[in-house]
Every structure is written in C-alpha cells, then in structure tokens.
C-alpha atoms as a PDB file:
ATOM      1  CA  GLN A   1      18.434 -12.740  85.275  1.00  0.00           C
ATOM      2  CA  VAL A   2      16.042 -10.922  86.691  1.00  0.00           C
ATOM      3  CA  GLN A   3      12.870 -10.818  85.301  1.00  0.00           C
ATOM      4  CA  LEU A   4      10.571  -7.419  85.492  1.00  0.00           C
ATOM      5  CA  VAL A   5       6.335  -6.498  85.009  1.00  0.00           C
ATOM      6  CA  GLU A   6       5.404  -3.087  85.592  1.00  0.00           C
ATOM      7  CA  SER A   7       1.976  -2.593  86.685  1.00  0.00           C
ATOM      8  CA  GLY A   8      -0.079   0.932  87.765  1.00  0.00           C
ATOM      9  CA  GLY A   9      -0.001   2.852  84.392  1.00  0.00           C
ATOM     10  CA  GLY A  10      -3.144   4.692  83.226  1.00  0.00           C
ATOM     11  CA  LEU A  11      -4.851   8.109  82.272  1.00  0.00           C
ATOM     12  CA  VAL A  12      -5.261  10.353  85.217  1.00  0.00           C
ATOM     13  CA  GLN A  13      -5.958  13.742  85.382  1.00  0.00           C
ATOM     14  CA  ALA A  14      -3.387  16.564  86.964  1.00  0.00           C
ATOM     15  CA  GLY A  15      -3.482  16.850  90.875  1.00  0.00           C
ATOM     16  CA  GLY A  16      -4.327  12.912  90.398  1.00  0.00           C
ATOM     17  CA  SER A  17      -2.511  10.282  92.025  1.00  0.00           C
ATOM     18  CA  LEU A  18      -0.801   6.616  90.541  1.00  0.00           C
ATOM     19  CA  ARG A  19       0.466   3.917  91.826  1.00  0.00           C
ATOM     20  CA  LEU A  20       2.873   1.696  89.710  1.00  0.00           C
ATOM     21  CA  SER A  21       4.281  -1.700  91.163  1.00  0.00           C
ATOM     22  CA  CYS A  22       6.714  -4.038  89.935  1.00  0.00           C
ATOM     23  CA  ALA A  23       6.973  -7.653  90.402  1.00  0.00           C
ATOM     24  CA  ALA A  24      10.131  -9.474  90.099  1.00  0.00           C
ATOM     25  CA  SER A  25      11.202 -12.723  89.681  1.00  0.00           C
ATOM     26  CA  GLY A  26      14.237 -14.699  88.762  1.00  0.00           C
ATOM     27  CA  ARG A  27      17.529 -13.707  90.334  1.00  0.00           C
ATOM     28  CA  THR A  28      15.044 -11.107  92.608  1.00  0.00           C
ATOM     29  CA  PHE A  29      17.790 -10.473  94.449  1.00  0.00           C
ATOM     30  CA  ALA A  30      18.928  -7.039  93.299  1.00  0.00           C
ATOM     31  CA  TYR A  31      21.113  -4.222  95.124  1.00  0.00           C
ATOM     32  CA  ALA A  32      19.052  -1.220  94.074  1.00  0.00           C
ATOM     33  CA  MET A  33      16.500  -1.455  91.877  1.00  0.00           C
ATOM     34  CA  GLY A  34      14.417   2.048  90.328  1.00  0.00           C
ATOM     35  CA  TRP A  35      12.207   3.723  88.882  1.00  0.00           C
ATOM     36  CA  PHE A  36      12.944   5.255  85.279  1.00  0.00           C
ATOM     37  CA  ARG A  37      10.804   7.180  82.615  1.00  0.00           C
ATOM     38  CA  GLN A  38      11.071   8.498  79.197  1.00  0.00           C
ATOM     39  CA  ALA A  39       8.647  11.070  77.692  1.00  0.00           C
ATOM     40  CA  PRO A  40       8.253  10.946  74.023  1.00  0.00           C
ATOM     41  CA  GLY A  41      11.434  12.413  71.871  1.00  0.00           C
ATOM     42  CA  LYS A  42      13.355  12.907  75.058  1.00  0.00           C
ATOM     43  CA  GLU A  43      15.923  10.859  77.184  1.00  0.00           C
ATOM     44  CA  ARG A  44      15.200   8.811  79.223  1.00  0.00           C
ATOM     45  CA  GLU A  45      16.148   9.975  82.950  1.00  0.00           C
ATOM     46  CA  SER A  46      15.868   8.845  86.665  1.00  0.00           C
ATOM     47  CA  VAL A  47      13.540   9.131  88.437  1.00  0.00           C
ATOM     48  CA  ALA A  48      13.827   7.365  91.945  1.00  0.00           C
ATOM     49  CA  THR A  49      15.931   4.779  93.416  1.00  0.00           C
ATOM     50  CA  VAL A  50      16.048   2.652  96.129  1.00  0.00           C
ATOM     51  CA  MET A  51      18.962   0.607  97.224  1.00  0.00           C
ATOM     52  CA  TRP A  52      18.313  -3.557  98.918  1.00  0.00           C
ATOM     53  CA  HIS A  53      18.249  -2.551 102.233  1.00  0.00           C
ATOM     54  CA  GLY A  54      15.237   0.244 101.472  1.00  0.00           C
ATOM     55  CA  SER A  55      18.019   2.866 103.611  1.00  0.00           C
ATOM     56  CA  MET A  56      19.581   4.792 101.614  1.00  0.00           C
ATOM     57  CA  SER A  57      16.767   5.953  98.187  1.00  0.00           C
ATOM     58  CA  TYR A  58      17.464   8.776  95.289  1.00  0.00           C
ATOM     59  CA  TYR A  59      15.251  11.329  93.736  1.00  0.00           C
ATOM     60  CA  ALA A  60      15.002  13.615  90.588  1.00  0.00           C
ATOM     61  CA  ASP A  61      14.085  16.649  91.966  1.00  0.00           C
ATOM     62  CA  SER A  62      11.305  16.870  89.444  1.00  0.00           C
ATOM     63  CA  VAL A  63       9.556  14.368  92.174  1.00  0.00           C
ATOM     64  CA  LYS A  64      11.114  15.332  95.563  1.00  0.00           C
ATOM     65  CA  GLY A  65       7.889  15.354  98.031  1.00  0.00           C
ATOM     66  CA  ARG A  66       5.372  14.502  95.089  1.00  0.00           C
ATOM     67  CA  PHE A  67       6.962  10.613  95.107  1.00  0.00           C
ATOM     68  CA  THR A  68       7.781   7.917  96.598  1.00  0.00           C
ATOM     69  CA  ILE A  69       9.467   4.521  96.362  1.00  0.00           C
ATOM     70  CA  SER A  70       9.558   1.287  98.578  1.00  0.00           C
ATOM     71  CA  ARG A  71      10.703  -2.203  98.221  1.00  0.00           C
ATOM     72  CA  ASP A  72       9.760  -5.189  99.837  1.00  0.00           C
ATOM     73  CA  ASN A  73      11.990  -7.426  99.200  1.00  0.00           C
ATOM     74  CA  ALA A  74      10.018 -10.479 101.471  1.00  0.00           C
ATOM     75  CA  LYS A  75       7.379 -10.030  98.338  1.00  0.00           C
ATOM     76  CA  ASN A  76       9.672  -9.334  95.849  1.00  0.00           C
ATOM     77  CA  THR A  77       8.492  -6.119  94.043  1.00  0.00           C
ATOM     78  CA  LEU A  78       9.238  -2.367  94.010  1.00  0.00           C
ATOM     79  CA  ASP A  79       6.523   0.168  93.795  1.00  0.00           C
ATOM     80  CA  LEU A  80       6.441   3.753  92.891  1.00  0.00           C
ATOM     81  CA  GLN A  81       3.742   6.013  94.664  1.00  0.00           C
ATOM     82  CA  MET A  82       3.233   9.301  92.467  1.00  0.00           C
ATOM     83  CA  ASN A  83       0.804  12.400  94.009  1.00  0.00           C
ATOM     84  CA  SER A  84       0.545  16.154  92.723  1.00  0.00           C
ATOM     85  CA  LEU A  85       0.648  14.263  89.521  1.00  0.00           C
ATOM     86  CA  LYS A  86       1.510  17.046  86.485  1.00  0.00           C
ATOM     87  CA  PRO A  87       1.428  17.247  82.751  1.00  0.00           C
ATOM     88  CA  GLU A  88       5.142  16.704  82.340  1.00  0.00           C
ATOM     89  CA  ASP A  89       5.119  13.663  85.000  1.00  0.00           C
ATOM     90  CA  THR A  90       3.500  11.910  81.647  1.00  0.00           C
ATOM     91  CA  ALA A  91       5.901   9.534  80.104  1.00  0.00           C
ATOM     92  CA  VAL A  92       6.881   5.402  80.128  1.00  0.00           C
ATOM     93  CA  TYR A  93       8.013   4.762  83.552  1.00  0.00           C
ATOM     94  CA  TYR A  94      10.853   1.644  83.423  1.00  0.00           C
ATOM     95  CA  CYS A  95      11.046  -0.520  86.776  1.00  0.00           C
ATOM     96  CA  ALA A  96      14.619  -1.721  87.393  1.00  0.00           C
ATOM     97  CA  ALA A  97      17.337  -3.895  89.158  1.00  0.00           C
ATOM     98  CA  ARG A  98      21.245  -3.578  89.298  1.00  0.00           C
ATOM     99  CA  GLY A  99      23.138  -7.491  89.764  1.00  0.00           C
ATOM    100  CA  ARG A 100      26.135  -6.076  90.442  1.00  0.00           C
ATOM    101  CA  SER A 101      27.474  -5.541  93.576  1.00  0.00           C
ATOM    102  CA  THR A 102      27.267  -1.441  94.917  1.00  0.00           C
ATOM    103  CA  SER A 103      27.524   0.286  98.067  1.00  0.00           C
ATOM    104  CA  ALA A 104      26.157   3.568  96.279  1.00  0.00           C
ATOM    105  CA  VAL A 105      22.893   4.820  95.346  1.00  0.00           C
ATOM    106  CA  ILE A 106      22.322   4.716  91.889  1.00  0.00           C
ATOM    107  CA  THR A 107      20.984   8.157  89.902  1.00  0.00           C
ATOM    108  CA  THR A 108      21.573   7.074  85.671  1.00  0.00           C
ATOM    109  CA  SER A 109      20.592   4.212  83.743  1.00  0.00           C
ATOM    110  CA  SER A 110      23.334   3.509  83.209  1.00  0.00           C
ATOM    111  CA  GLY A 111      23.598   1.913  86.722  1.00  0.00           C
ATOM    112  CA  MET A 112      21.308  -0.628  86.222  1.00  0.00           C
ATOM    113  CA  ASP A 113      21.483  -4.338  84.285  1.00  0.00           C
ATOM    114  CA  TYR A 114      17.783  -5.144  83.591  1.00  0.00           C
ATOM    115  CA  TRP A 115      14.340  -3.408  82.809  1.00  0.00           C
ATOM    116  CA  GLY A 116      10.946  -4.281  82.990  1.00  0.00           C
ATOM    117  CA  LYS A 117       9.160  -3.456  78.974  1.00  0.00           C
ATOM    118  CA  GLY A 118       6.847  -0.441  80.781  1.00  0.00           C
ATOM    119  CA  THR A 119       4.234   1.118  81.779  1.00  0.00           C
ATOM    120  CA  GLN A 120       2.195   4.136  80.025  1.00  0.00           C
ATOM    121  CA  VAL A 121       1.748   6.524  82.585  1.00  0.00           C
ATOM    122  CA  THR A 122      -0.317  10.211  81.643  1.00  0.00           C
ATOM    123  CA  VAL A 123      -1.450  12.768  82.724  1.00  0.00           C
ATOM    124  CA  SER A 124      -4.277  15.202  81.667  1.00  0.00           C
ATOM    125  CA  SER A 125      -4.040  19.140  82.333  1.00  0.00           C
END
C-alpha cells in the first residue's frame, strides 16, 4: 500500500503560479507517479505523469509548456509546478502512483493504483 498526501493548492489569479506537492509513505516505490485533476461535472483527466527513473514523462496538451512535474525518489515526493495558470485549470488535483510493473509511460487514470484525497486549485479570472 502507498499513502499519498497532497498539499499546495489554493486560490490564485489567472497568470499566477502554484506548486503542488505529494508526499508518499508506506510502500514508497512506485513505477510511475502523476497528477490528475477533476473539475465539477467533468471526468478525471490526466495532467502529467513521470516514470520512476524520471526520464520519461507525459503532459496533457492543455498544460504543456506551463506545468512541470518532478519526482524525488530519495524524499518520496512528487511536485507539480504550475505557471501561467488559467481559469480552466480550476479543479481538484490528485496525486497518484502505480504499484504494478510497467515500462510504458502512463497517460490515463486507469493506469494508477493508489490515490491521494486531492487538493483544490482555484484560478480566478
């Protein structure tokens, strides 16, 4: 089992920045980790994911060039730096981890096994 706890959400104006952090405990090795988000009335969508070695990552088209995912295996943390935020980025952001072996980058929520409870990000216009 992996326990994931997100932090860093909040209210920010459009164009601003936020940094989300995820702390992992328990069985801390994960083949992949990532950030997903869910806005009211919408399905959960992937934002960014990274493999355990950090050399392979995925970004949704909507966040490319604005968000950066980073993983520190020594500290068991996963961060998401979000710049140039837009009102459409408003959502609950979830940290996720995959315990099953994989060599392919994860791009969908079904590829993850463990989830945090989420942190709210609200971007005002």
